[in-house]
């Protein structure tokens, strides 16, 4: 596997290009915007885009998804169906956050806990991690010990829960019950900011460190 993380939009959202070196097929995770920049990356890497994966439906994570899916004739997979209302509100989200016009869409495949998505010969396990949004999912590649967590967890912080249908306790539960069991050595790619490891956050994150959550 080869991985390239490229920030897009004014929100510096981490869009990932996952490349299966065995098949030369690739997938974008959360292409939030700047489609020309992302298309240039595909040319530079000389790979074939196979699909688009979405962790959740906030515009800074999905803003370029429909455009790329239509141009390359590839499916969009994810998030969980509970984020449909956010996808339906994409035109309003675009206006609110001063994005170029973005049309509402539905993915080819909604994802649920226990699903697997494929990128070439690579398999990624799907975990439903609500809290930041109700339909948020994460993608875990076990062999390479990497998990794409969207806006669930950050280095030193956690996702916001003050948006519609956000739930702080759900978010904490998602982190403790879904992410922590993956193991301390697992690296996570957050939606914004630098990467970190599960172990580092369990030790140092002021919001969810084990010592912070002890009753």
N, C-alpha and C. Protein backbone atom coordinates (compact mmCIF):
# COMPACT_ATOMS: atom_id res chain seq x y z
N UNK A 1 0.84 -1.20 0.00
CA UNK A 1 0.00 0.00 0.00
C UNK A 1 0.87 1.24 0.00
N UNK A 2 0.45 2.23 -0.79
CA UNK A 2 1.06 3.55 -0.75
C UNK A 2 -0.02 4.54 -0.33
N UNK A 3 0.36 5.54 0.47
CA UNK A 3 -0.60 6.50 0.99
C UNK A 3 -0.08 7.91 0.78
N UNK A 4 -0.93 8.76 0.25
CA UNK A 4 -0.60 10.18 0.11
C UNK A 4 -1.73 11.00 0.73
N UNK A 5 -1.40 11.86 1.68
CA UNK A 5 -2.38 12.73 2.32
C UNK A 5 -2.18 14.14 1.78
N UNK A 6 -3.26 14.72 1.27
CA UNK A 6 -3.18 16.04 0.65
C UNK A 6 -4.28 16.94 1.21
N UNK A 7 -3.91 18.00 1.93
CA UNK A 7 -4.93 18.91 2.47
C UNK A 7 -5.64 19.67 1.35
N UNK A 8 -6.95 19.82 1.50
CA UNK A 8 -7.75 20.56 0.52
C UNK A 8 -8.67 21.54 1.23
N UNK A 9 -9.08 22.55 0.52
CA UNK A 9 -10.01 23.60 0.96
C UNK A 9 -9.40 24.48 2.04
N UNK A 10 -10.11 25.56 2.34
CA UNK A 10 -9.67 26.48 3.39
C UNK A 10 -9.68 25.83 4.76
N UNK A 11 -10.36 24.69 4.88
CA UNK A 11 -10.41 23.97 6.16
C UNK A 11 -9.21 23.02 6.33
N UNK A 12 -8.31 22.98 5.33
CA UNK A 12 -7.14 22.10 5.37
C UNK A 12 -7.54 20.68 5.76
N UNK A 13 -8.53 20.17 5.04
CA UNK A 13 -9.06 18.83 5.32
C UNK A 13 -8.16 17.79 4.66
N UNK A 14 -7.81 16.77 5.43
CA UNK A 14 -6.89 15.74 4.94
C UNK A 14 -7.59 14.76 4.02
N UNK A 15 -7.43 14.95 2.72
CA UNK A 15 -7.89 13.96 1.75
C UNK A 15 -6.78 12.95 1.55
N UNK A 16 -7.11 11.67 1.60
CA UNK A 16 -6.11 10.61 1.42
C UNK A 16 -6.30 9.93 0.08
N UNK A 17 -5.19 9.64 -0.57
CA UNK A 17 -5.19 8.76 -1.73
C UNK A 17 -4.55 7.45 -1.29
N UNK A 18 -5.36 6.39 -1.29
CA UNK A 18 -4.87 5.05 -0.94
C UNK A 18 -4.58 4.31 -2.24
N UNK A 19 -3.37 3.81 -2.36
CA UNK A 19 -2.97 3.12 -3.59
C UNK A 19 -2.62 1.67 -3.27
N UNK A 20 -3.26 0.75 -3.99
CA UNK A 20 -2.88 -0.66 -3.92
C UNK A 20 -1.75 -0.88 -4.92
N UNK A 21 -0.56 -1.11 -4.40
CA UNK A 21 0.61 -1.25 -5.27
C UNK A 21 0.56 -2.53 -6.10
N UNK A 22 -0.23 -3.49 -5.64
CA UNK A 22 -0.35 -4.76 -6.38
C UNK A 22 -1.15 -4.58 -7.67
N UNK A 23 -2.18 -3.73 -7.62
CA UNK A 23 -3.08 -3.58 -8.77
C UNK A 23 -3.01 -2.21 -9.43
N UNK A 24 -2.36 -1.25 -8.77
CA UNK A 24 -2.28 0.14 -9.24
C UNK A 24 -3.64 0.83 -9.22
N UNK A 25 -4.58 0.28 -8.47
CA UNK A 25 -5.87 0.92 -8.26
C UNK A 25 -5.82 1.77 -7.00
N UNK A 26 -6.69 2.77 -6.96
CA UNK A 26 -6.63 3.73 -5.87
C UNK A 26 -8.01 4.21 -5.48
N UNK A 27 -8.09 4.80 -4.28
CA UNK A 27 -9.33 5.39 -3.80
C UNK A 27 -9.00 6.68 -3.06
N UNK A 28 -9.87 7.66 -3.22
CA UNK A 28 -9.78 8.85 -2.40
C UNK A 28 -10.65 8.65 -1.16
N UNK A 29 -10.13 9.02 -0.01
CA UNK A 29 -10.92 9.08 1.21
C UNK A 29 -11.18 10.56 1.51
N UNK A 30 -12.43 10.94 1.54
CA UNK A 30 -12.87 12.29 1.88
C UNK A 30 -12.28 13.38 0.96
N UNK A 31 -12.60 13.34 -0.33
CA UNK A 31 -12.17 14.42 -1.23
C UNK A 31 -13.05 15.66 -1.03
N UNK A 32 -12.61 16.52 -0.14
CA UNK A 32 -13.46 17.62 0.31
C UNK A 32 -13.59 18.78 -0.65
N UNK A 33 -12.68 18.89 -1.61
CA UNK A 33 -12.72 20.00 -2.55
C UNK A 33 -11.49 20.00 -3.43
N UNK A 34 -11.34 21.08 -4.21
CA UNK A 34 -10.20 21.24 -5.10
C UNK A 34 -9.99 20.02 -6.01
N UNK A 35 -11.00 19.67 -6.80
CA UNK A 35 -10.89 18.47 -7.64
C UNK A 35 -9.73 18.51 -8.62
N UNK A 36 -9.37 19.68 -9.14
CA UNK A 36 -8.26 19.75 -10.09
C UNK A 36 -6.95 19.34 -9.42
N UNK A 37 -6.79 19.75 -8.19
CA UNK A 37 -5.60 19.37 -7.41
C UNK A 37 -5.55 17.86 -7.22
N UNK A 38 -6.71 17.26 -6.96
CA UNK A 38 -6.76 15.82 -6.74
C UNK A 38 -6.56 15.05 -8.04
N UNK A 39 -7.08 15.57 -9.13
CA UNK A 39 -6.86 14.92 -10.43
C UNK A 39 -5.38 14.97 -10.82
N UNK A 40 -4.72 16.06 -10.48
CA UNK A 40 -3.29 16.17 -10.76
C UNK A 40 -2.51 15.12 -9.98
N UNK A 41 -2.94 14.86 -8.76
CA UNK A 41 -2.27 13.83 -7.95
C UNK A 41 -2.41 12.45 -8.60
N UNK A 42 -3.58 12.15 -9.14
CA UNK A 42 -3.77 10.88 -9.84
C UNK A 42 -2.81 10.76 -11.03
N UNK A 43 -2.65 11.85 -11.76
CA UNK A 43 -1.74 11.83 -12.91
C UNK A 43 -0.30 11.61 -12.46
N UNK A 44 0.08 12.29 -11.39
CA UNK A 44 1.46 12.17 -10.91
C UNK A 44 1.75 10.74 -10.45
N UNK A 45 0.78 10.12 -9.80
CA UNK A 45 0.99 8.77 -9.29
C UNK A 45 0.73 7.70 -10.35
N UNK A 46 0.11 8.10 -11.45
CA UNK A 46 -0.19 7.18 -12.56
C UNK A 46 -0.96 5.95 -12.07
N UNK A 47 -2.06 6.25 -11.38
CA UNK A 47 -2.91 5.19 -10.84
C UNK A 47 -4.32 5.32 -11.40
N UNK A 48 -5.10 4.27 -11.25
CA UNK A 48 -6.49 4.24 -11.71
C UNK A 48 -7.42 4.42 -10.52
N UNK A 49 -8.22 5.48 -10.55
CA UNK A 49 -9.17 5.69 -9.47
C UNK A 49 -10.28 4.66 -9.56
N UNK A 50 -10.48 3.93 -8.47
CA UNK A 50 -11.46 2.84 -8.43
C UNK A 50 -12.74 3.24 -7.73
N UNK A 51 -12.62 4.08 -6.69
CA UNK A 51 -13.80 4.48 -5.92
C UNK A 51 -13.47 5.64 -5.02
N UNK A 52 -14.50 6.17 -4.40
CA UNK A 52 -14.37 7.26 -3.42
C UNK A 52 -15.00 6.79 -2.13
N UNK A 53 -14.30 6.97 -1.02
CA UNK A 53 -14.77 6.57 0.30
C UNK A 53 -15.01 7.81 1.16
N UNK A 54 -16.15 7.82 1.84
CA UNK A 54 -16.50 8.97 2.68
C UNK A 54 -16.70 8.54 4.13
N UNK A 55 -16.05 9.28 5.05
CA UNK A 55 -16.25 9.01 6.47
C UNK A 55 -17.53 9.63 6.98
N UNK A 56 -17.85 10.83 6.49
CA UNK A 56 -19.10 11.50 6.90
C UNK A 56 -19.42 12.56 5.87
N UNK A 57 -20.53 13.25 6.05
CA UNK A 57 -21.10 14.04 4.96
C UNK A 57 -20.98 15.55 5.15
N UNK A 58 -20.07 16.02 5.98
CA UNK A 58 -19.81 17.46 6.03
C UNK A 58 -19.09 17.90 4.77
N UNK A 59 -19.38 19.11 4.32
CA UNK A 59 -18.96 19.53 2.99
C UNK A 59 -17.44 19.54 2.81
N UNK A 60 -16.69 19.81 3.88
CA UNK A 60 -15.24 19.85 3.71
C UNK A 60 -14.65 18.45 3.54
N UNK A 61 -15.48 17.41 3.65
CA UNK A 61 -15.05 16.03 3.42
C UNK A 61 -15.62 15.45 2.13
N UNK A 62 -16.66 16.06 1.59
CA UNK A 62 -17.33 15.46 0.42
C UNK A 62 -17.47 16.42 -0.76
N UNK A 63 -16.95 17.64 -0.64
CA UNK A 63 -17.24 18.68 -1.62
C UNK A 63 -16.89 18.34 -3.06
N UNK A 64 -15.85 17.51 -3.27
CA UNK A 64 -15.45 17.14 -4.63
C UNK A 64 -15.87 15.73 -5.01
N UNK A 65 -16.58 15.05 -4.13
CA UNK A 65 -16.88 13.63 -4.36
C UNK A 65 -17.73 13.40 -5.61
N UNK A 66 -18.81 14.13 -5.75
CA UNK A 66 -19.72 13.91 -6.87
C UNK A 66 -19.04 14.24 -8.20
N UNK A 67 -18.31 15.33 -8.24
CA UNK A 67 -17.62 15.74 -9.47
C UNK A 67 -16.63 14.67 -9.91
N UNK A 68 -15.83 14.18 -8.97
CA UNK A 68 -14.83 13.16 -9.30
C UNK A 68 -15.50 11.83 -9.69
N UNK A 69 -16.54 11.46 -8.95
CA UNK A 69 -17.23 10.20 -9.24
C UNK A 69 -17.82 10.21 -10.65
N UNK A 70 -18.38 11.33 -11.04
CA UNK A 70 -18.98 11.41 -12.38
C UNK A 70 -17.90 11.45 -13.47
N UNK A 71 -16.84 12.20 -13.25
CA UNK A 71 -15.81 12.30 -14.28
C UNK A 71 -15.09 10.98 -14.50
N UNK A 72 -14.81 10.25 -13.42
CA UNK A 72 -14.06 9.01 -13.53
C UNK A 72 -14.97 7.77 -13.56
N UNK A 73 -16.27 8.00 -13.46
CA UNK A 73 -17.27 6.92 -13.49
C UNK A 73 -16.95 5.85 -12.45
N UNK A 74 -16.80 6.32 -11.21
CA UNK A 74 -16.51 5.42 -10.10
C UNK A 74 -17.58 5.59 -9.02
N UNK A 75 -17.78 4.58 -8.19
CA UNK A 75 -18.79 4.68 -7.14
C UNK A 75 -18.29 5.44 -5.92
N UNK A 76 -19.25 5.98 -5.20
CA UNK A 76 -19.01 6.56 -3.88
C UNK A 76 -19.53 5.58 -2.84
N UNK A 77 -18.69 5.24 -1.87
CA UNK A 77 -19.08 4.31 -0.81
C UNK A 77 -18.95 5.02 0.53
N UNK A 78 -20.03 4.95 1.33
CA UNK A 78 -20.05 5.63 2.61
C UNK A 78 -20.65 7.02 2.47
N UNK A 79 -21.00 7.61 3.58
CA UNK A 79 -20.89 7.07 4.95
C UNK A 79 -22.06 6.14 5.30
N UNK A 80 -22.43 6.10 6.57
CA UNK A 80 -23.62 5.39 7.03
C UNK A 80 -24.86 6.19 6.63
N UNK A 81 -25.95 5.50 6.43
CA UNK A 81 -27.19 6.13 5.95
C UNK A 81 -27.68 7.27 6.86
N UNK A 82 -27.30 7.24 8.13
CA UNK A 82 -27.78 8.28 9.06
C UNK A 82 -27.24 9.67 8.71
N UNK A 83 -26.28 9.76 7.81
CA UNK A 83 -25.79 11.07 7.36
C UNK A 83 -26.48 11.55 6.09
N UNK A 84 -27.54 10.87 5.66
CA UNK A 84 -28.21 11.27 4.43
C UNK A 84 -28.67 12.73 4.48
N UNK A 85 -29.16 13.16 5.64
CA UNK A 85 -29.68 14.54 5.73
C UNK A 85 -28.57 15.55 5.47
N UNK A 86 -27.33 15.24 5.85
CA UNK A 86 -26.22 16.14 5.56
C UNK A 86 -25.94 16.19 4.06
N UNK A 87 -26.01 15.04 3.39
CA UNK A 87 -25.82 15.05 1.94
C UNK A 87 -26.93 15.82 1.24
N UNK A 88 -28.15 15.68 1.73
CA UNK A 88 -29.26 16.42 1.14
C UNK A 88 -29.10 17.93 1.32
N UNK A 89 -28.35 18.33 2.36
CA UNK A 89 -28.16 19.75 2.67
C UNK A 89 -26.87 20.32 2.07
N UNK A 90 -26.23 19.60 1.16
CA UNK A 90 -24.97 20.09 0.61
C UNK A 90 -25.08 21.47 -0.06
N UNK A 91 -26.14 21.76 -0.81
CA UNK A 91 -26.22 23.12 -1.37
C UNK A 91 -26.23 24.21 -0.28
N UNK A 92 -26.95 23.94 0.82
CA UNK A 92 -26.97 24.91 1.91
C UNK A 92 -25.61 24.98 2.62
N UNK A 93 -24.98 23.81 2.80
CA UNK A 93 -23.65 23.81 3.41
C UNK A 93 -22.66 24.62 2.56
N UNK A 94 -22.73 24.45 1.25
CA UNK A 94 -21.82 25.17 0.35
C UNK A 94 -22.00 26.68 0.50
N UNK A 95 -23.25 27.11 0.55
CA UNK A 95 -23.52 28.54 0.69
C UNK A 95 -23.04 29.05 2.05
N UNK A 96 -23.28 28.29 3.09
CA UNK A 96 -22.93 28.72 4.44
C UNK A 96 -21.42 28.88 4.62
N UNK A 97 -20.67 27.94 4.03
CA UNK A 97 -19.21 27.94 4.24
C UNK A 97 -18.44 28.48 3.04
N UNK A 98 -19.17 29.13 2.11
CA UNK A 98 -18.57 29.82 0.97
C UNK A 98 -17.74 28.88 0.08
N UNK A 99 -18.29 27.69 -0.15
CA UNK A 99 -17.73 26.76 -1.12
C UNK A 99 -18.36 27.06 -2.49
N UNK A 100 -17.71 26.56 -3.55
CA UNK A 100 -18.37 26.56 -4.84
C UNK A 100 -19.64 25.72 -4.73
N UNK A 101 -20.55 25.90 -5.67
CA UNK A 101 -21.80 25.16 -5.64
C UNK A 101 -21.55 23.65 -5.60
N UNK A 102 -22.22 22.97 -4.68
CA UNK A 102 -22.11 21.52 -4.54
C UNK A 102 -23.52 20.93 -4.55
N UNK A 103 -23.76 19.97 -5.42
CA UNK A 103 -25.08 19.36 -5.51
C UNK A 103 -25.23 18.22 -4.51
N UNK A 104 -26.44 18.02 -4.06
CA UNK A 104 -26.75 16.87 -3.21
C UNK A 104 -26.57 15.58 -4.01
N UNK A 105 -26.24 14.50 -3.32
CA UNK A 105 -26.11 13.20 -3.98
C UNK A 105 -26.30 12.10 -2.95
N UNK A 106 -26.49 10.90 -3.44
CA UNK A 106 -26.50 9.72 -2.59
C UNK A 106 -25.34 8.83 -3.02
N UNK A 107 -24.68 8.19 -2.08
CA UNK A 107 -23.60 7.27 -2.46
C UNK A 107 -24.14 6.04 -3.16
N UNK A 108 -23.28 5.38 -3.87
CA UNK A 108 -23.65 4.10 -4.49
C UNK A 108 -23.92 3.04 -3.41
N UNK A 109 -23.19 3.15 -2.31
CA UNK A 109 -23.29 2.16 -1.24
C UNK A 109 -23.21 2.85 0.12
N UNK A 110 -24.25 2.69 0.91
CA UNK A 110 -24.19 3.09 2.31
C UNK A 110 -23.41 2.02 3.07
N UNK A 111 -22.71 2.42 4.11
CA UNK A 111 -21.89 1.48 4.87
C UNK A 111 -22.42 1.30 6.28
N UNK A 112 -22.24 0.10 6.82
CA UNK A 112 -22.65 -0.20 8.19
C UNK A 112 -21.51 -0.91 8.90
N UNK A 113 -21.62 -0.95 10.22
CA UNK A 113 -20.64 -1.65 11.05
C UNK A 113 -20.43 -3.08 10.54
N UNK A 114 -19.17 -3.46 10.39
CA UNK A 114 -18.85 -4.81 9.94
C UNK A 114 -18.66 -4.96 8.45
N UNK A 115 -18.99 -3.92 7.67
CA UNK A 115 -18.75 -3.97 6.23
C UNK A 115 -17.25 -3.97 5.95
N UNK A 116 -16.91 -4.40 4.75
CA UNK A 116 -15.55 -4.30 4.24
C UNK A 116 -15.58 -3.56 2.92
N UNK A 117 -14.64 -2.65 2.72
CA UNK A 117 -14.48 -2.00 1.42
C UNK A 117 -13.14 -2.41 0.85
N UNK A 118 -13.08 -2.50 -0.47
CA UNK A 118 -11.88 -2.96 -1.16
C UNK A 118 -11.28 -1.81 -1.97
N UNK A 119 -9.97 -1.73 -1.94
CA UNK A 119 -9.22 -0.85 -2.84
C UNK A 119 -8.18 -1.73 -3.51
N UNK A 120 -8.44 -2.12 -4.74
CA UNK A 120 -7.60 -3.12 -5.36
C UNK A 120 -7.65 -4.40 -4.55
N UNK A 121 -6.47 -4.87 -4.12
CA UNK A 121 -6.40 -6.08 -3.30
C UNK A 121 -6.43 -5.77 -1.81
N UNK A 122 -6.52 -4.49 -1.46
CA UNK A 122 -6.54 -4.08 -0.05
C UNK A 122 -7.95 -4.16 0.51
N UNK A 123 -8.07 -4.58 1.76
CA UNK A 123 -9.36 -4.61 2.45
C UNK A 123 -9.32 -3.63 3.62
N UNK A 124 -10.40 -2.86 3.76
CA UNK A 124 -10.55 -1.93 4.87
C UNK A 124 -11.82 -2.28 5.62
N UNK A 125 -11.71 -2.45 6.93
CA UNK A 125 -12.86 -2.74 7.77
C UNK A 125 -13.58 -1.45 8.13
N UNK A 126 -14.90 -1.52 8.16
CA UNK A 126 -15.73 -0.35 8.44
C UNK A 126 -16.25 -0.43 9.87
N UNK A 127 -16.10 0.68 10.60
CA UNK A 127 -16.67 0.81 11.94
C UNK A 127 -17.57 2.04 11.96
N UNK A 128 -18.77 1.89 12.50
CA UNK A 128 -19.69 3.02 12.65
C UNK A 128 -19.32 3.76 13.93
N UNK A 129 -18.96 5.03 13.80
CA UNK A 129 -18.49 5.82 14.95
C UNK A 129 -19.26 7.13 15.04
N UNK A 130 -20.52 7.08 15.46
CA UNK A 130 -21.33 8.30 15.53
C UNK A 130 -20.87 9.22 16.65
N UNK A 131 -21.35 10.46 16.58
CA UNK A 131 -21.06 11.45 17.60
C UNK A 131 -20.81 12.80 16.96
N UNK A 132 -19.79 12.88 16.09
CA UNK A 132 -19.56 14.11 15.32
C UNK A 132 -20.72 14.30 14.34
N UNK A 133 -21.05 13.24 13.64
CA UNK A 133 -22.30 13.14 12.88
C UNK A 133 -22.89 11.77 13.17
N UNK A 134 -24.19 11.59 12.96
CA UNK A 134 -24.79 10.29 13.30
C UNK A 134 -24.36 9.16 12.38
N UNK A 135 -23.93 9.49 11.16
CA UNK A 135 -23.56 8.44 10.21
C UNK A 135 -22.07 8.31 9.97
N UNK A 136 -21.27 8.82 10.86
CA UNK A 136 -19.82 8.80 10.68
C UNK A 136 -19.29 7.37 10.73
N UNK A 137 -18.40 7.03 9.79
CA UNK A 137 -17.71 5.74 9.79
C UNK A 137 -16.21 5.98 9.75
N UNK A 138 -15.45 4.95 10.12
CA UNK A 138 -13.99 4.99 9.97
C UNK A 138 -13.56 3.75 9.19
N UNK A 139 -12.37 3.83 8.59
CA UNK A 139 -11.85 2.75 7.75
C UNK A 139 -10.52 2.27 8.32
N UNK A 140 -10.43 0.96 8.60
CA UNK A 140 -9.25 0.39 9.24
C UNK A 140 -8.57 -0.61 8.33
N UNK A 141 -7.29 -0.37 8.04
CA UNK A 141 -6.50 -1.30 7.25
C UNK A 141 -5.56 -2.04 8.20
N UNK A 142 -5.95 -3.27 8.52
CA UNK A 142 -5.27 -3.99 9.61
C UNK A 142 -3.81 -4.32 9.29
N UNK A 143 -3.54 -4.77 8.08
CA UNK A 143 -2.18 -5.20 7.75
C UNK A 143 -1.17 -4.07 7.91
N UNK A 144 -1.60 -2.85 7.59
CA UNK A 144 -0.70 -1.70 7.70
C UNK A 144 -0.93 -0.88 8.97
N UNK A 145 -1.88 -1.33 9.80
CA UNK A 145 -2.12 -0.69 11.10
C UNK A 145 -2.41 0.81 10.96
N UNK A 146 -3.33 1.13 10.04
CA UNK A 146 -3.73 2.51 9.80
C UNK A 146 -5.25 2.59 9.82
N UNK A 147 -5.77 3.63 10.46
CA UNK A 147 -7.21 3.86 10.47
C UNK A 147 -7.49 5.31 10.08
N UNK A 148 -8.43 5.49 9.16
CA UNK A 148 -8.87 6.82 8.74
C UNK A 148 -10.09 7.18 9.59
N UNK A 149 -9.95 8.21 10.44
CA UNK A 149 -10.98 8.47 11.47
C UNK A 149 -11.82 9.70 11.19
N UNK A 150 -11.61 10.36 10.05
CA UNK A 150 -12.41 11.55 9.78
C UNK A 150 -12.30 12.55 10.91
N UNK A 151 -13.46 13.03 11.38
CA UNK A 151 -13.46 14.02 12.46
C UNK A 151 -13.87 13.44 13.80
N UNK A 152 -13.59 12.16 14.02
CA UNK A 152 -13.86 11.55 15.33
C UNK A 152 -12.77 11.94 16.33
N UNK A 153 -11.52 11.82 15.90
CA UNK A 153 -10.38 11.99 16.80
C UNK A 153 -9.27 12.76 16.09
N UNK A 154 -8.59 13.63 16.85
CA UNK A 154 -7.46 14.39 16.32
C UNK A 154 -6.29 14.26 17.28
N UNK A 155 -5.12 14.66 16.82
CA UNK A 155 -3.98 14.74 17.73
C UNK A 155 -4.29 15.81 18.78
N UNK A 156 -4.48 15.37 20.01
CA UNK A 156 -4.73 16.30 21.10
C UNK A 156 -6.15 16.83 21.20
N UNK A 157 -7.07 16.32 20.41
CA UNK A 157 -8.43 16.85 20.45
C UNK A 157 -9.42 15.78 19.96
N UNK A 158 -10.70 16.16 19.92
CA UNK A 158 -11.75 15.28 19.42
C UNK A 158 -12.69 16.09 18.55
N UNK A 159 -13.60 15.40 17.86
CA UNK A 159 -14.51 16.07 16.96
C UNK A 159 -15.53 16.94 17.68
N UNK A 160 -16.01 17.95 16.98
CA UNK A 160 -17.08 18.80 17.50
C UNK A 160 -18.39 18.02 17.53
N UNK A 161 -19.23 18.37 18.48
CA UNK A 161 -20.55 17.72 18.57
C UNK A 161 -21.68 18.74 18.66
N UNK A 162 -21.39 19.99 18.27
CA UNK A 162 -22.40 21.04 18.36
C UNK A 162 -23.14 21.26 17.05
N UNK A 163 -22.90 20.40 16.06
CA UNK A 163 -23.67 20.46 14.83
C UNK A 163 -24.97 19.67 15.01
N UNK A 164 -25.95 19.86 14.10
CA UNK A 164 -27.19 19.09 14.20
C UNK A 164 -26.93 17.59 14.27
N UNK A 165 -27.58 16.93 15.23
CA UNK A 165 -27.49 15.49 15.45
C UNK A 165 -26.13 15.05 15.99
N UNK A 166 -25.32 16.00 16.44
CA UNK A 166 -24.09 15.64 17.13
C UNK A 166 -24.41 15.18 18.55
N UNK A 167 -23.55 14.35 19.11
CA UNK A 167 -23.80 13.81 20.45
C UNK A 167 -22.44 13.54 21.12
N UNK A 168 -22.12 14.31 22.15
CA UNK A 168 -20.81 14.21 22.78
C UNK A 168 -20.57 12.83 23.39
N UNK A 169 -21.56 12.29 24.10
CA UNK A 169 -21.34 11.00 24.74
C UNK A 169 -21.18 9.90 23.69
N UNK A 170 -21.94 9.99 22.60
CA UNK A 170 -21.76 9.03 21.51
C UNK A 170 -20.33 9.08 20.97
N UNK A 171 -19.80 10.29 20.83
CA UNK A 171 -18.45 10.44 20.32
C UNK A 171 -17.43 9.79 21.25
N UNK A 172 -17.55 10.06 22.54
CA UNK A 172 -16.65 9.45 23.52
C UNK A 172 -16.75 7.93 23.47
N UNK A 173 -17.97 7.42 23.38
CA UNK A 173 -18.17 5.97 23.30
C UNK A 173 -17.54 5.40 22.04
N UNK A 174 -17.68 6.11 20.92
CA UNK A 174 -17.09 5.65 19.66
C UNK A 174 -15.58 5.54 19.79
N UNK A 175 -14.97 6.53 20.41
CA UNK A 175 -13.52 6.53 20.56
C UNK A 175 -13.08 5.39 21.48
N UNK A 176 -13.74 5.27 22.62
CA UNK A 176 -13.33 4.25 23.59
C UNK A 176 -13.65 2.83 23.14
N UNK A 177 -14.80 2.64 22.52
CA UNK A 177 -15.26 1.29 22.21
C UNK A 177 -14.88 0.80 20.81
N UNK A 178 -14.61 1.74 19.90
CA UNK A 178 -14.29 1.34 18.53
C UNK A 178 -12.81 1.58 18.19
N UNK A 179 -12.26 2.73 18.59
CA UNK A 179 -10.88 3.05 18.22
C UNK A 179 -9.85 2.47 19.17
N UNK A 180 -10.07 2.62 20.48
CA UNK A 180 -9.06 2.13 21.43
C UNK A 180 -8.77 0.64 21.27
N UNK A 181 -9.78 -0.21 21.04
CA UNK A 181 -9.49 -1.64 20.91
C UNK A 181 -8.62 -2.00 19.69
N UNK A 182 -8.46 -1.09 18.74
CA UNK A 182 -7.62 -1.39 17.58
C UNK A 182 -6.16 -1.57 18.00
N UNK A 183 -5.76 -0.95 19.10
CA UNK A 183 -4.40 -1.15 19.59
C UNK A 183 -3.57 0.12 19.60
N UNK A 184 -2.70 0.24 20.60
CA UNK A 184 -1.92 1.45 20.79
C UNK A 184 -0.99 1.77 19.62
N UNK A 185 -0.54 0.76 18.90
CA UNK A 185 0.43 0.99 17.82
C UNK A 185 -0.21 1.47 16.52
N UNK A 186 -1.53 1.47 16.46
CA UNK A 186 -2.22 1.86 15.24
C UNK A 186 -2.08 3.37 15.01
N UNK A 187 -1.71 3.74 13.79
CA UNK A 187 -1.65 5.14 13.37
C UNK A 187 -3.01 5.55 12.83
N UNK A 188 -3.45 6.77 13.19
CA UNK A 188 -4.70 7.24 12.61
C UNK A 188 -4.47 8.50 11.78
N UNK A 189 -5.23 8.56 10.67
CA UNK A 189 -5.24 9.73 9.80
C UNK A 189 -6.48 10.53 10.14
N UNK A 190 -6.34 11.69 10.76
CA UNK A 190 -7.52 12.48 11.11
C UNK A 190 -8.00 13.33 9.94
N UNK A 191 -9.17 13.90 10.08
CA UNK A 191 -9.70 14.76 9.04
C UNK A 191 -8.97 16.07 8.89
N UNK A 192 -8.28 16.49 9.94
CA UNK A 192 -7.53 17.75 9.93
C UNK A 192 -6.31 17.58 10.83
N UNK A 193 -5.22 18.18 10.46
CA UNK A 193 -4.06 18.18 11.32
C UNK A 193 -3.19 16.95 11.17
N UNK A 194 -2.17 16.83 12.03
CA UNK A 194 -1.18 15.76 11.89
C UNK A 194 -1.71 14.41 12.33
N UNK A 195 -1.04 13.36 11.85
CA UNK A 195 -1.36 12.01 12.28
C UNK A 195 -0.88 11.80 13.71
N UNK A 196 -1.38 10.72 14.31
CA UNK A 196 -0.95 10.34 15.65
C UNK A 196 -1.19 8.84 15.78
N UNK A 197 -0.98 8.33 16.99
CA UNK A 197 -1.27 6.92 17.25
C UNK A 197 -2.32 6.80 18.33
N UNK A 198 -3.00 5.68 18.34
CA UNK A 198 -3.99 5.42 19.38
C UNK A 198 -3.33 5.50 20.76
N UNK A 199 -2.17 4.89 20.89
CA UNK A 199 -1.49 4.89 22.18
C UNK A 199 -1.15 6.28 22.68
N UNK A 200 -0.68 7.14 21.77
CA UNK A 200 -0.34 8.51 22.16
C UNK A 200 -1.57 9.25 22.69
N UNK A 201 -2.69 9.09 22.01
CA UNK A 201 -3.90 9.80 22.44
C UNK A 201 -4.44 9.23 23.75
N UNK A 202 -4.35 7.94 23.94
CA UNK A 202 -4.80 7.36 25.21
C UNK A 202 -3.97 7.89 26.37
N UNK A 203 -2.74 8.26 26.09
CA UNK A 203 -1.85 8.75 27.14
C UNK A 203 -1.94 10.26 27.33
N UNK A 204 -2.10 11.00 26.21
CA UNK A 204 -1.91 12.45 26.28
C UNK A 204 -3.11 13.30 25.89
N UNK A 205 -4.10 12.76 25.19
CA UNK A 205 -5.21 13.60 24.72
C UNK A 205 -6.03 14.08 25.90
N UNK A 206 -6.13 15.40 26.11
CA UNK A 206 -6.82 15.90 27.31
C UNK A 206 -8.31 15.59 27.35
N UNK A 207 -8.90 15.23 26.21
CA UNK A 207 -10.34 14.96 26.16
C UNK A 207 -10.67 13.49 26.40
N UNK A 208 -9.77 12.59 25.99
CA UNK A 208 -10.11 11.17 26.04
C UNK A 208 -8.99 10.29 26.58
N UNK A 209 -7.93 10.87 27.12
CA UNK A 209 -6.88 10.06 27.72
C UNK A 209 -7.50 9.18 28.82
N UNK A 210 -6.95 7.99 28.98
CA UNK A 210 -7.51 7.06 29.97
C UNK A 210 -7.63 7.71 31.34
N UNK A 211 -6.62 8.46 31.74
CA UNK A 211 -6.64 9.09 33.07
C UNK A 211 -7.70 10.17 33.16
N UNK A 212 -8.02 10.81 32.02
CA UNK A 212 -9.03 11.87 32.01
C UNK A 212 -10.43 11.33 32.13
N UNK A 213 -10.65 10.09 31.67
CA UNK A 213 -12.00 9.53 31.63
C UNK A 213 -12.30 8.61 32.82
N UNK A 214 -11.31 8.41 33.66
CA UNK A 214 -11.57 7.58 34.83
C UNK A 214 -12.52 8.29 35.77
N UNK A 215 -13.47 7.52 36.27
CA UNK A 215 -14.46 8.10 37.19
C UNK A 215 -13.92 8.13 38.61
